[in-house]
Amino acid sequence: MNKLVLGNLIHRPLRSVISIFAVAIEVIMILSITAILMGKLNGFKERQNGIGMDMIVRPNAANNLIGMSPAGASIKVADVLAQIPHVAVSAPVNIQITGNMDSIYGIQFKSFNGLLPFTFLSGGPFTGPDDVIIDDYAAPGKKVGDPITILNHTFHICGIVAHGKGGRKFVPIETMGALTGTEGKATMFYLRTDEVPKYQDQVRKAIFATPGMSTYTVTTAEEYLSTISPARLPGFNIGLEVVIGIAVTIGFLVIFQSMYTAVMERTREIGILKSMGASRSYIVAVVLSESGLLAVTGTILGIAASFALSAGLNHRFPTLDFVINIPYVWKSIILALVSALLGAFYPALKAARKDPIDALSYE
């Protein structure tokens, strides 16, 4: 049977190659969309962990996605929070997202650096309102002193830091307010408390008991980051399932068309096999084995191409967070194989039901 299966595929090389590439594209689509979406989420979580806060205070109407909410709280709230017992650092931030989804952090350098110090690779802190600190991922081709346009305003790079501390570009919070019409405002406040997590509940209760703070949302960093997951983001899973569904449909239809046409072209061959005593299950096994071999080859090609694409994009665009999600590698393998076998199932049954006399007389 193996020789028969392999011979059939080699005899029609173009169709076999097209089927293999269709399955590969199915796998690449699944792994690429999950690499982009899951990579963004995981990269965001890693950068938030690198800030150094252990509690977050936000206006009650703020969105869970940083930068998606307007800066609606007074910066002076940071001074109020700093007076609460066991709050070691209170840092206001004004975060804006540009058209290319680049997060710009408006910060008070002293308080933000107090959460967890920046690791400067060159340069140093702000020395003026038009200074900007960028991380090493945003720095290729740039050096300290170079001009850079952010929010339609020309800044000068004063420092380059190691990546992983929230955003990739940091400007003075006063300048951010002036550029975005949010003077004196903050998006949220990062807190570092004493002896984490010993006093977190006590700090939370003290914040709510402070006049004017009862309407704010107070969460630990762990609680906040747990909300940044596919299940809790509106439309995330729906979009993911739609793309995966389209990819599986493509694989199914191509394999179906390929196997159906192959069965129609091999009517006489099937008649010869049946006249020689081949059972229906044998004919079905031959057709399914062909589609299975195509699916396995296409899956391997798709996985290899996806990892090569990931390596290339991460090298060319290090801020993209294009990371192949290993659990979805296994899901893509299963989906590709199942869709291929389902696509070949009807053609296999059609071949098995052919009458040997009719098949032998077919021209």
Protein backbone atom coordinates (compact mmCIF):
# COMPACT_ATOMS: atom_id res chain seq x y z
CA MET A 1 0.00 0.00 0.00
CA ASN A 2 2.82 2.42 0.86
CA LYS A 3 4.32 2.05 -2.63
CA LEU A 4 0.90 2.61 -4.19
CA VAL A 5 0.28 5.75 -2.11
CA LEU A 6 3.71 7.20 -2.82
CA GLY A 7 3.46 6.34 -6.52
CA ASN A 8 0.10 8.09 -6.83
CA LEU A 9 1.48 11.27 -5.26
CA ILE A 10 4.64 11.29 -7.39
CA HIS A 11 2.62 10.63 -10.54
CA ARG A 12 0.78 13.95 -9.99
CA PRO A 13 3.55 16.20 -8.61
CA LEU A 14 1.91 19.59 -9.20
CA ARG A 15 -1.30 18.63 -7.44
CA SER A 16 0.67 17.12 -4.58
CA VAL A 17 2.81 20.24 -4.20
CA ILE A 18 -0.25 22.51 -4.23
CA SER A 19 -1.94 20.39 -1.56
CA ILE A 20 1.19 20.42 0.60
CA PHE A 21 1.47 24.19 0.33
CA ALA A 22 -2.24 24.60 1.17
CA VAL A 23 -1.77 22.66 4.41
CA ALA A 24 1.44 24.61 5.12
CA ILE A 25 -0.42 27.90 4.64
CA GLU A 26 -3.13 26.65 7.01
CA VAL A 27 -0.50 25.97 9.69
CA ILE A 28 1.33 29.27 9.05
CA MET A 29 -1.92 31.23 9.36
CA ILE A 30 -2.76 29.62 12.69
CA LEU A 31 0.72 30.02 14.16
CA SER A 32 1.24 33.55 12.80
CA ILE A 33 -1.98 35.04 14.13
CA THR A 34 -1.45 33.45 17.53
CA ALA A 35 2.20 34.56 17.51
CA ILE A 36 1.17 38.17 16.95
CA LEU A 37 -1.77 38.28 19.37
CA MET A 38 -0.33 36.12 22.15
CA GLY A 39 3.10 37.68 21.66
CA LYS A 40 1.66 41.14 22.20
CA LEU A 41 -0.10 40.05 25.37
CA ASN A 42 2.88 38.19 26.81
CA GLY A 43 5.27 40.99 25.85
CA PHE A 44 2.99 43.52 27.53
CA LYS A 45 2.90 41.45 30.72
CA GLU A 46 6.68 41.11 30.79
CA ARG A 47 7.19 44.85 30.36
CA GLN A 48 4.65 45.62 33.08
CA ASN A 49 6.43 43.25 35.46
CA GLY A 50 9.66 45.11 34.71
CA ILE A 51 8.28 48.44 35.97
CA GLY A 52 8.70 47.43 39.60
CA MET A 53 5.27 48.32 40.99
CA ASP A 54 3.21 45.89 43.03
CA MET A 55 -0.04 47.91 43.13
CA ILE A 56 -1.94 50.04 40.60
CA VAL A 57 -4.44 52.80 41.32
CA ARG A 58 -6.72 53.95 38.49
CA PRO A 59 -9.82 56.09 38.03
CA ASN A 60 -12.87 53.83 38.12
CA ALA A 61 -13.68 54.38 34.42
CA ALA A 62 -10.21 53.39 33.22
CA ASN A 63 -9.83 50.61 30.67
CA ASN A 64 -7.76 47.53 31.53
CA LEU A 65 -5.66 48.11 28.43
CA ILE A 66 -3.00 50.66 29.30
CA GLY A 67 -3.09 53.67 27.04
CA MET A 68 -6.68 53.03 25.94
CA SER A 69 -8.08 55.30 28.67
CA PRO A 70 -7.81 59.08 28.87
CA ALA A 71 -5.63 60.63 31.53
CA GLY A 72 -8.44 61.54 33.92
CA ALA A 73 -6.85 61.74 37.36
CA SER A 74 -4.97 64.66 38.88
CA ILE A 75 -1.24 64.17 39.24
CA LYS A 76 -1.62 65.48 42.81
CA VAL A 77 -3.26 62.17 43.73
CA ALA A 78 0.26 60.73 43.69
CA ASP A 79 1.18 62.96 46.67
CA VAL A 80 -1.90 61.77 48.54
CA LEU A 81 -1.03 58.13 47.89
CA ALA A 82 2.56 58.70 48.96
CA GLN A 83 1.34 59.71 52.44
CA ILE A 84 -0.43 56.41 53.05
CA PRO A 85 1.46 54.14 55.47
CA HIS A 86 3.61 51.44 53.85
CA VAL A 87 3.57 53.11 50.40
CA ALA A 88 7.27 53.44 49.56
CA VAL A 89 6.86 54.99 46.09
CA SER A 90 3.91 56.58 44.30
CA ALA A 91 4.53 57.26 40.59
CA PRO A 92 1.99 58.97 38.30
CA VAL A 93 2.08 58.04 34.61
CA ASN A 94 0.35 59.54 31.58
CA ILE A 95 0.32 56.90 28.86
CA GLN A 96 -0.62 57.58 25.26
CA ILE A 97 -0.71 55.20 22.28
CA THR A 98 0.33 56.52 18.88
CA GLY A 99 -1.19 55.56 15.54
CA ASN A 100 1.36 52.75 15.08
CA MET A 101 0.45 51.28 18.50
CA ASP A 102 3.58 52.64 20.16
CA SER A 103 3.09 53.28 23.89
CA ILE A 104 4.59 56.59 25.07
CA TYR A 105 4.99 56.97 28.83
CA GLY A 106 4.81 60.41 30.42
CA ILE A 107 6.62 60.04 33.75
CA GLN A 108 8.07 61.90 36.70
CA PHE A 109 11.58 60.51 36.43
CA LYS A 110 12.37 60.43 40.17
CA SER A 111 9.25 58.54 41.24
CA PHE A 112 9.12 56.20 38.22
CA ASN A 113 12.81 55.38 38.59
CA GLY A 114 12.14 54.77 42.29
CA LEU A 115 9.91 51.80 41.47
CA LEU A 116 12.80 49.96 39.83
CA PRO A 117 15.79 51.94 38.54
CA PHE A 118 16.39 52.27 34.81
CA THR A 119 19.48 50.51 33.49
CA PHE A 120 21.15 53.20 31.40
CA LEU A 121 23.23 51.94 28.50
CA SER A 122 24.20 55.49 27.56
CA GLY A 123 23.18 59.02 28.56
CA GLY A 124 21.09 59.76 31.63
CA PRO A 125 17.85 61.22 33.03
CA PHE A 126 15.84 64.15 31.67
CA THR A 127 17.55 67.52 31.78
CA GLY A 128 14.82 69.49 29.99
CA PRO A 129 11.16 69.33 28.89
CA ASP A 130 12.05 68.13 25.38
CA ASP A 131 14.18 65.19 26.45
CA VAL A 132 13.19 61.58 25.80
CA ILE A 133 14.49 58.27 27.14
CA ILE A 134 14.24 55.31 24.75
CA ASP A 135 14.98 51.63 25.26
CA ASP A 136 17.55 49.61 23.32
CA TYR A 137 14.86 48.08 21.07
CA ALA A 138 13.81 51.53 19.88
CA ALA A 139 17.41 52.76 19.66
CA PRO A 140 18.97 51.05 16.60
CA GLY A 141 20.46 53.74 14.38
CA LYS A 142 20.08 56.38 17.10
CA LYS A 143 22.36 57.80 19.76
CA VAL A 144 22.18 60.23 22.66
CA GLY A 145 21.58 63.75 21.40
CA ASP A 146 19.75 62.73 18.23
CA PRO A 147 16.37 64.33 17.50
CA ILE A 148 13.29 62.12 17.37
CA THR A 149 9.68 63.01 16.56
CA ILE A 150 7.04 61.79 19.00
CA LEU A 151 3.42 62.96 19.00
CA ASN A 152 4.31 65.46 16.27
CA HIS A 153 6.88 67.07 18.57
CA THR A 154 10.66 67.04 18.25
CA PHE A 155 12.46 65.58 21.26
CA HIS A 156 16.16 64.93 21.84
CA ILE A 157 17.37 61.58 23.15
CA CYS A 158 18.91 62.07 26.59
CA GLY A 159 19.30 58.41 27.51
CA ILE A 160 19.12 54.88 26.17
CA VAL A 161 18.04 52.18 28.63
CA ALA A 162 17.62 48.41 28.70
CA HIS A 163 14.19 47.29 27.50
CA GLY A 164 11.50 45.80 29.70
CA LYS A 165 10.30 48.72 31.84
CA GLY A 166 6.79 49.33 30.58
CA GLY A 167 7.07 51.39 27.42
CA ARG A 168 9.84 51.97 24.93
CA LYS A 169 9.82 55.76 25.01
CA PHE A 170 9.58 57.98 28.10
CA VAL A 171 9.01 61.73 28.17
CA PRO A 172 8.45 64.19 31.05
CA ILE A 173 4.85 63.96 32.26
CA GLU A 174 4.47 67.75 32.04
CA THR A 175 5.43 67.70 28.36
CA MET A 176 3.04 64.80 27.71
CA GLY A 177 0.22 66.79 29.27
CA ALA A 178 0.98 69.86 27.18
CA LEU A 179 1.09 67.84 23.94
CA THR A 180 -2.13 65.91 24.56
CA GLY A 181 -4.24 68.50 26.36
CA THR A 182 -4.03 66.59 29.64
CA GLU A 183 -1.99 69.05 31.72
CA GLY A 184 -1.70 68.00 35.33
CA LYS A 185 -3.38 64.65 34.60
CA ALA A 186 -2.32 61.01 34.92
CA THR A 187 -3.67 57.78 33.47
CA MET A 188 -2.85 55.78 36.59
CA PHE A 189 -0.52 55.55 39.56
CA TYR A 190 2.05 52.83 40.20
CA LEU A 191 2.78 52.00 43.83
CA ARG A 192 5.61 50.13 45.46
CA THR A 193 4.71 49.01 48.97
CA ASP A 194 6.81 47.78 51.87
CA GLU A 195 7.54 44.08 52.28
CA VAL A 196 5.41 42.86 49.36
CA PRO A 197 2.76 41.46 49.73
CA LYS A 198 2.51 41.94 53.48
CA TYR A 199 0.82 45.35 53.53
CA GLN A 200 -1.11 45.31 50.25
CA ASP A 201 -4.55 44.72 51.81
CA GLN A 202 -3.86 47.36 54.44
CA VAL A 203 -2.81 49.87 51.77
CA ARG A 204 -5.90 49.11 49.68
CA LYS A 205 -8.22 49.73 52.63
CA ALA A 206 -6.38 52.94 53.50
CA ILE A 207 -6.74 54.23 49.92
CA PHE A 208 -10.50 53.60 49.91
CA ALA A 209 -10.79 55.31 53.29
CA THR A 210 -9.03 58.42 51.97
CA PRO A 211 -11.50 61.24 51.09
CA GLY A 212 -12.12 61.37 47.34
CA MET A 213 -10.48 57.96 46.65
CA SER A 214 -13.44 55.65 47.22
CA THR A 215 -14.30 55.61 43.49
CA TYR A 216 -10.82 54.58 42.35
CA THR A 217 -9.88 51.04 41.33
CA VAL A 218 -7.07 49.57 43.39
CA THR A 219 -5.48 46.28 42.35
CA THR A 220 -2.27 44.41 42.95
CA ALA A 221 0.00 43.99 39.94
CA GLU A 222 -0.76 40.27 39.99
CA GLU A 223 -4.52 40.91 39.94
CA TYR A 224 -4.20 43.43 37.14
CA LEU A 225 -2.03 41.26 34.90
CA SER A 226 -4.39 38.30 35.38
CA THR A 227 -7.07 40.35 33.59
CA ILE A 228 -4.85 40.68 30.51
CA SER A 229 -5.70 37.30 29.04
CA PRO A 230 -7.50 36.15 25.88
CA ALA A 231 -10.56 35.03 27.86
CA ARG A 232 -11.01 38.47 29.44
CA LEU A 233 -10.35 40.67 26.41
CA PRO A 234 -13.53 41.41 24.44
CA GLY A 235 -13.44 39.93 20.95
CA PHE A 236 -9.95 38.45 21.31
CA ASN A 237 -10.97 34.80 21.25
CA ILE A 238 -13.64 35.47 18.62
CA GLY A 239 -11.10 37.02 16.25
CA LEU A 240 -8.67 34.18 16.91
CA GLU A 241 -11.30 31.52 16.26
CA VAL A 242 -12.44 33.22 13.03
CA VAL A 243 -8.90 33.24 11.60
CA ILE A 244 -8.29 29.64 12.66
CA GLY A 245 -11.64 28.64 11.15
CA ILE A 246 -10.72 30.26 7.83
CA ALA A 247 -7.34 28.50 7.83
CA VAL A 248 -8.91 25.10 8.55
CA THR A 249 -11.52 25.66 5.83
CA ILE A 250 -8.78 26.41 3.29
CA GLY A 251 -6.96 23.19 4.15
CA PHE A 252 -10.19 21.18 4.06
CA LEU A 253 -11.30 22.48 0.66
CA VAL A 254 -7.93 22.05 -1.04
CA ILE A 255 -7.51 18.48 0.19
CA PHE A 256 -11.13 17.70 -0.73
CA GLN A 257 -10.67 19.07 -4.25
CA SER A 258 -7.36 17.28 -4.69
CA MET A 259 -8.59 13.89 -3.47
CA TYR A 260 -11.93 14.14 -5.28
CA THR A 261 -10.22 14.91 -8.59
CA ALA A 262 -7.70 12.14 -7.99
CA VAL A 263 -10.48 9.63 -7.39
CA MET A 264 -12.26 10.70 -10.59
CA GLU A 265 -9.04 10.36 -12.60
CA ARG A 266 -8.22 6.92 -11.19
CA THR A 267 -11.56 5.24 -11.79
CA ARG A 268 -9.99 2.44 -13.85
CA GLU A 269 -7.20 1.96 -11.29
CA ILE A 270 -9.78 1.59 -8.54
CA GLY A 271 -11.71 -0.91 -10.69
CA ILE A 272 -8.55 -2.98 -11.20
CA LEU A 273 -7.85 -2.98 -7.46
CA LYS A 274 -11.39 -4.05 -6.63
CA SER A 275 -11.38 -6.75 -9.33
CA MET A 276 -8.22 -8.12 -7.72
CA GLY A 277 -10.04 -8.42 -4.40
CA ALA A 278 -9.33 -5.09 -2.76
CA SER A 279 -11.96 -4.39 -0.09
CA ARG A 280 -13.78 -1.12 0.46
CA SER A 281 -11.72 -0.50 3.59
CA TYR A 282 -8.52 -0.99 1.57
CA ILE A 283 -9.60 1.61 -1.01
CA VAL A 284 -10.58 4.05 1.75
CA ALA A 285 -7.22 3.44 3.48
CA VAL A 286 -5.32 4.23 0.25
CA VAL A 287 -7.08 7.56 -0.27
CA LEU A 288 -6.83 8.57 3.40
CA SER A 289 -3.16 7.56 3.48
CA GLU A 290 -2.46 9.84 0.53
CA SER A 291 -4.17 12.80 2.18
CA GLY A 292 -2.48 11.97 5.49
CA LEU A 293 0.95 11.99 3.85
CA LEU A 294 0.18 15.33 2.19
CA ALA A 295 -1.03 16.73 5.51
CA VAL A 296 2.03 15.56 7.46
CA THR A 297 4.42 16.98 4.85
CA GLY A 298 2.51 20.27 4.70
CA THR A 299 2.36 20.51 8.50
CA ILE A 300 6.11 20.02 8.86
CA LEU A 301 6.73 22.61 6.15
CA GLY A 302 4.29 25.04 7.78
CA ILE A 303 5.85 24.72 11.24
CA ALA A 304 9.37 25.15 9.86
CA ALA A 305 8.30 28.19 7.83
CA SER A 306 6.54 29.71 10.87
CA PHE A 307 9.64 29.43 13.06
CA ALA A 308 11.79 30.84 10.23
CA LEU A 309 9.32 33.73 9.88
CA SER A 310 9.42 34.32 13.64
CA ALA A 311 13.23 34.42 13.67
CA GLY A 312 13.34 36.76 10.68
CA LEU A 313 10.72 39.18 12.01
CA ASN A 314 12.20 39.26 15.52
CA HIS A 315 15.61 40.05 14.03
CA ARG A 316 14.23 42.75 11.72
CA PHE A 317 11.57 44.14 14.08
CA PRO A 318 12.60 43.34 17.67
CA THR A 319 9.63 45.27 19.12
CA LEU A 320 7.06 43.18 17.25
CA ASP A 321 6.75 40.43 19.90
CA PHE A 322 6.19 37.78 17.23
CA VAL A 323 6.58 34.63 19.33
CA ILE A 324 5.36 31.16 18.29
CA ASN A 325 3.02 29.81 20.96
CA ILE A 326 4.00 26.17 21.58
CA PRO A 327 0.51 24.95 22.65
CA TYR A 328 -0.82 26.26 19.34
CA VAL A 329 1.86 24.30 17.47
CA TRP A 330 0.20 21.12 18.72
CA LYS A 331 -3.26 22.53 17.98
CA SER A 332 -2.22 23.43 14.45
CA ILE A 333 -0.87 19.90 13.90
CA ILE A 334 -4.13 18.35 15.05
CA LEU A 335 -6.30 20.78 13.06
CA ALA A 336 -4.26 20.31 9.88
CA LEU A 337 -4.40 16.51 10.09
CA VAL A 338 -8.09 16.41 10.99
CA SER A 339 -9.10 18.88 8.26
CA ALA A 340 -7.09 16.91 5.67
CA LEU A 341 -8.62 13.57 6.65
CA LEU A 342 -12.12 15.04 6.70
CA GLY A 343 -11.49 16.58 3.30
CA ALA A 344 -10.48 13.19 1.92
CA PHE A 345 -13.20 11.16 3.64
CA TYR A 346 -16.00 11.69 1.09
CA PRO A 347 -13.73 11.06 -1.95
CA ALA A 348 -12.49 7.91 -0.18
CA LEU A 349 -16.05 6.64 0.34
CA LYS A 350 -16.94 7.51 -3.26
CA ALA A 351 -13.96 5.50 -4.48
CA ALA A 352 -14.84 2.56 -2.24
CA ARG A 353 -18.43 2.43 -3.54
CA LYS A 354 -17.47 2.23 -7.21
CA ASP A 355 -18.65 -0.88 -8.98
CA PRO A 356 -15.60 -2.75 -10.37
CA ILE A 357 -17.33 -3.59 -13.68
CA ASP A 358 -18.36 0.04 -14.25
CA ALA A 359 -14.91 1.20 -13.22
CA LEU A 360 -13.12 -1.17 -15.62
CA SER A 361 -15.32 -0.04 -18.52
CA TYR A 362 -14.69 3.65 -17.71
CA GLU A 363 -12.85 5.62 -20.39
